[in-house]
N, C-alpha and C. Protein backbone atom coordinates (compact mmCIF):
# COMPACT_ATOMS: atom_id res chain seq x y z
N MET A 1 99.13 157.95 66.23
CA MET A 1 97.75 157.78 65.83
C MET A 1 97.52 158.67 64.61
N ASP A 2 96.86 158.15 63.61
CA ASP A 2 96.66 158.95 62.41
C ASP A 2 95.35 159.73 62.44
N GLN A 3 95.18 160.61 61.47
CA GLN A 3 94.00 161.48 61.41
C GLN A 3 92.72 160.68 61.12
N GLN A 4 92.85 159.50 60.54
CA GLN A 4 91.68 158.71 60.15
C GLN A 4 91.07 157.94 61.33
N THR A 5 91.81 157.83 62.41
CA THR A 5 91.32 157.09 63.57
C THR A 5 90.13 157.83 64.18
N SER A 6 89.07 157.11 64.42
CA SER A 6 87.89 157.73 65.04
C SER A 6 87.93 157.53 66.55
N TYR A 7 87.20 158.37 67.24
CA TYR A 7 87.09 158.25 68.69
C TYR A 7 86.54 156.87 69.04
N GLU A 8 85.52 156.45 68.30
CA GLU A 8 84.85 155.19 68.60
C GLU A 8 85.80 154.00 68.45
N SER A 9 86.62 153.99 67.39
CA SER A 9 87.53 152.87 67.21
C SER A 9 88.63 152.88 68.27
N ALA A 10 89.12 154.06 68.63
CA ALA A 10 90.14 154.17 69.68
C ALA A 10 89.57 153.72 71.01
N TYR A 11 88.34 154.12 71.31
CA TYR A 11 87.70 153.75 72.56
C TYR A 11 87.44 152.24 72.62
N ALA A 12 87.03 151.67 71.49
CA ALA A 12 86.78 150.22 71.43
C ALA A 12 88.08 149.46 71.66
N GLU A 13 89.17 149.92 71.07
CA GLU A 13 90.46 149.26 71.28
C GLU A 13 90.90 149.38 72.73
N LEU A 14 90.67 150.54 73.32
CA LEU A 14 91.01 150.76 74.72
C LEU A 14 90.21 149.81 75.63
N GLN A 15 88.93 149.65 75.34
CA GLN A 15 88.11 148.72 76.12
C GLN A 15 88.62 147.29 75.99
N LYS A 16 89.03 146.92 74.79
CA LYS A 16 89.55 145.57 74.56
C LYS A 16 90.82 145.33 75.38
N ILE A 17 91.70 146.31 75.37
CA ILE A 17 92.94 146.19 76.15
C ILE A 17 92.62 146.10 77.64
N ALA A 18 91.69 146.92 78.10
CA ALA A 18 91.30 146.89 79.52
C ALA A 18 90.75 145.52 79.91
N ARG A 19 89.91 144.95 79.04
CA ARG A 19 89.35 143.62 79.32
C ARG A 19 90.46 142.57 79.39
N GLU A 20 91.42 142.66 78.45
CA GLU A 20 92.53 141.70 78.45
C GLU A 20 93.32 141.78 79.75
N ILE A 21 93.57 142.99 80.20
CA ILE A 21 94.35 143.18 81.43
C ILE A 21 93.55 142.72 82.64
N GLU A 22 92.26 143.09 82.68
CA GLU A 22 91.41 142.71 83.82
C GLU A 22 91.24 141.21 83.94
N THR A 23 91.10 140.53 82.81
CA THR A 23 90.87 139.09 82.84
C THR A 23 92.17 138.29 82.76
N GLU A 24 93.27 139.04 82.77
CA GLU A 24 94.60 138.43 82.75
C GLU A 24 94.82 137.53 81.54
N THR A 25 94.21 137.90 80.40
CA THR A 25 94.42 137.13 79.18
C THR A 25 95.59 137.67 78.37
N VAL A 26 96.16 138.77 78.82
CA VAL A 26 97.33 139.33 78.14
C VAL A 26 98.59 138.73 78.76
N SER A 27 99.48 138.34 77.90
CA SER A 27 100.74 137.73 78.34
C SER A 27 101.61 138.76 79.04
N VAL A 28 102.36 138.32 80.01
CA VAL A 28 103.29 139.18 80.72
C VAL A 28 104.30 139.77 79.73
N ASP A 29 104.62 139.02 78.70
CA ASP A 29 105.58 139.47 77.69
C ASP A 29 105.11 140.69 76.91
N VAL A 30 103.81 140.87 76.79
CA VAL A 30 103.28 142.00 76.01
C VAL A 30 102.53 143.01 76.88
N LEU A 31 102.52 142.79 78.19
CA LEU A 31 101.79 143.68 79.10
C LEU A 31 102.23 145.13 78.98
N ALA A 32 103.53 145.38 79.02
CA ALA A 32 104.03 146.76 78.92
C ALA A 32 103.63 147.39 77.59
N GLU A 33 103.66 146.60 76.53
CA GLU A 33 103.26 147.08 75.21
C GLU A 33 101.79 147.50 75.21
N ARG A 34 100.95 146.68 75.84
CA ARG A 34 99.50 146.98 75.90
C ARG A 34 99.24 148.24 76.74
N VAL A 35 99.95 148.35 77.85
CA VAL A 35 99.77 149.52 78.73
C VAL A 35 100.21 150.79 77.99
N LYS A 36 101.30 150.72 77.25
CA LYS A 36 101.76 151.86 76.46
C LYS A 36 100.73 152.24 75.41
N ARG A 37 100.18 151.24 74.72
CA ARG A 37 99.15 151.51 73.71
C ARG A 37 97.92 152.11 74.37
N ALA A 38 97.54 151.62 75.52
CA ALA A 38 96.38 152.16 76.24
C ALA A 38 96.61 153.63 76.59
N ALA A 39 97.82 153.98 77.00
CA ALA A 39 98.13 155.37 77.32
C ALA A 39 98.00 156.25 76.08
N GLU A 40 98.46 155.76 74.93
CA GLU A 40 98.33 156.50 73.68
C GLU A 40 96.86 156.72 73.33
N LEU A 41 96.06 155.67 73.49
CA LEU A 41 94.64 155.76 73.17
C LEU A 41 93.92 156.73 74.10
N ILE A 42 94.26 156.69 75.38
CA ILE A 42 93.65 157.61 76.34
C ILE A 42 93.97 159.04 75.96
N SER A 43 95.20 159.30 75.63
CA SER A 43 95.62 160.64 75.23
C SER A 43 94.87 161.09 73.98
N PHE A 44 94.76 160.20 73.00
CA PHE A 44 94.03 160.50 71.77
C PHE A 44 92.57 160.84 72.06
N CYS A 45 91.92 160.01 72.87
CA CYS A 45 90.51 160.21 73.19
C CYS A 45 90.29 161.52 73.95
N GLN A 46 91.16 161.82 74.90
CA GLN A 46 91.05 163.07 75.66
C GLN A 46 91.20 164.27 74.74
N ASP A 47 92.16 164.21 73.83
CA ASP A 47 92.38 165.30 72.88
C ASP A 47 91.16 165.48 71.98
N LYS A 48 90.62 164.38 71.49
CA LYS A 48 89.44 164.42 70.63
C LYS A 48 88.25 165.03 71.38
N LEU A 49 88.07 164.66 72.63
CA LEU A 49 86.97 165.21 73.43
C LEU A 49 87.15 166.71 73.67
N ARG A 50 88.38 167.13 73.98
CA ARG A 50 88.65 168.56 74.19
C ARG A 50 88.34 169.37 72.93
N LYS A 51 88.80 168.87 71.79
CA LYS A 51 88.57 169.57 70.52
C LYS A 51 87.08 169.65 70.20
N THR A 52 86.38 168.56 70.44
CA THR A 52 84.95 168.54 70.18
C THR A 52 84.22 169.52 71.10
N GLU A 53 84.61 169.56 72.37
CA GLU A 53 84.01 170.48 73.32
C GLU A 53 84.22 171.93 72.89
N MET A 54 85.43 172.23 72.42
CA MET A 54 85.72 173.59 71.96
C MET A 54 84.88 173.95 70.73
N GLU A 55 84.75 173.01 69.79
CA GLU A 55 83.94 173.25 68.60
C GLU A 55 82.48 173.49 68.95
N VAL A 56 81.96 172.66 69.84
CA VAL A 56 80.56 172.80 70.25
C VAL A 56 80.35 174.14 70.96
N SER A 57 81.29 174.53 71.80
CA SER A 57 81.18 175.81 72.50
C SER A 57 81.16 176.97 71.51
N LYS A 58 82.01 176.91 70.49
CA LYS A 58 82.04 177.96 69.47
C LYS A 58 80.73 178.03 68.71
N ILE A 59 80.19 176.87 68.38
CA ILE A 59 78.91 176.83 67.66
C ILE A 59 77.80 177.43 68.51
N ILE A 60 77.78 177.08 69.78
CA ILE A 60 76.75 177.62 70.69
C ILE A 60 76.90 179.13 70.82
N GLU A 61 78.14 179.60 70.94
CA GLU A 61 78.39 181.06 71.01
C GLU A 61 77.86 181.75 69.77
N GLN A 62 78.13 181.20 68.61
CA GLN A 62 77.66 181.79 67.35
C GLN A 62 76.14 181.80 67.29
N MET A 63 75.53 180.75 67.76
CA MET A 63 74.06 180.68 67.74
C MET A 63 73.45 181.71 68.69
N GLU A 64 74.09 181.94 69.83
CA GLU A 64 73.57 182.89 70.80
C GLU A 64 73.70 184.33 70.29
N LYS A 65 74.66 184.60 69.41
CA LYS A 65 74.86 185.94 68.89
C LYS A 65 73.80 186.30 67.84
N ARG A 66 73.15 185.32 67.29
CA ARG A 66 72.14 185.58 66.25
C ARG A 66 70.84 186.00 66.80
């Protein structure tokens, strides 16, 4: 995943993959590929959320010190 990927676009792609799997519109031939991509997207989103949480916590700490 590159640095330009946004949380929103990754999450939207993840939702699309989930819908394909749930509605069984994904071919068995590409199922493993989709599941692998979903795992990558989940990891990316979790990392982005952790980093954002840390940044927000730092900002709040700085504001409380003033």
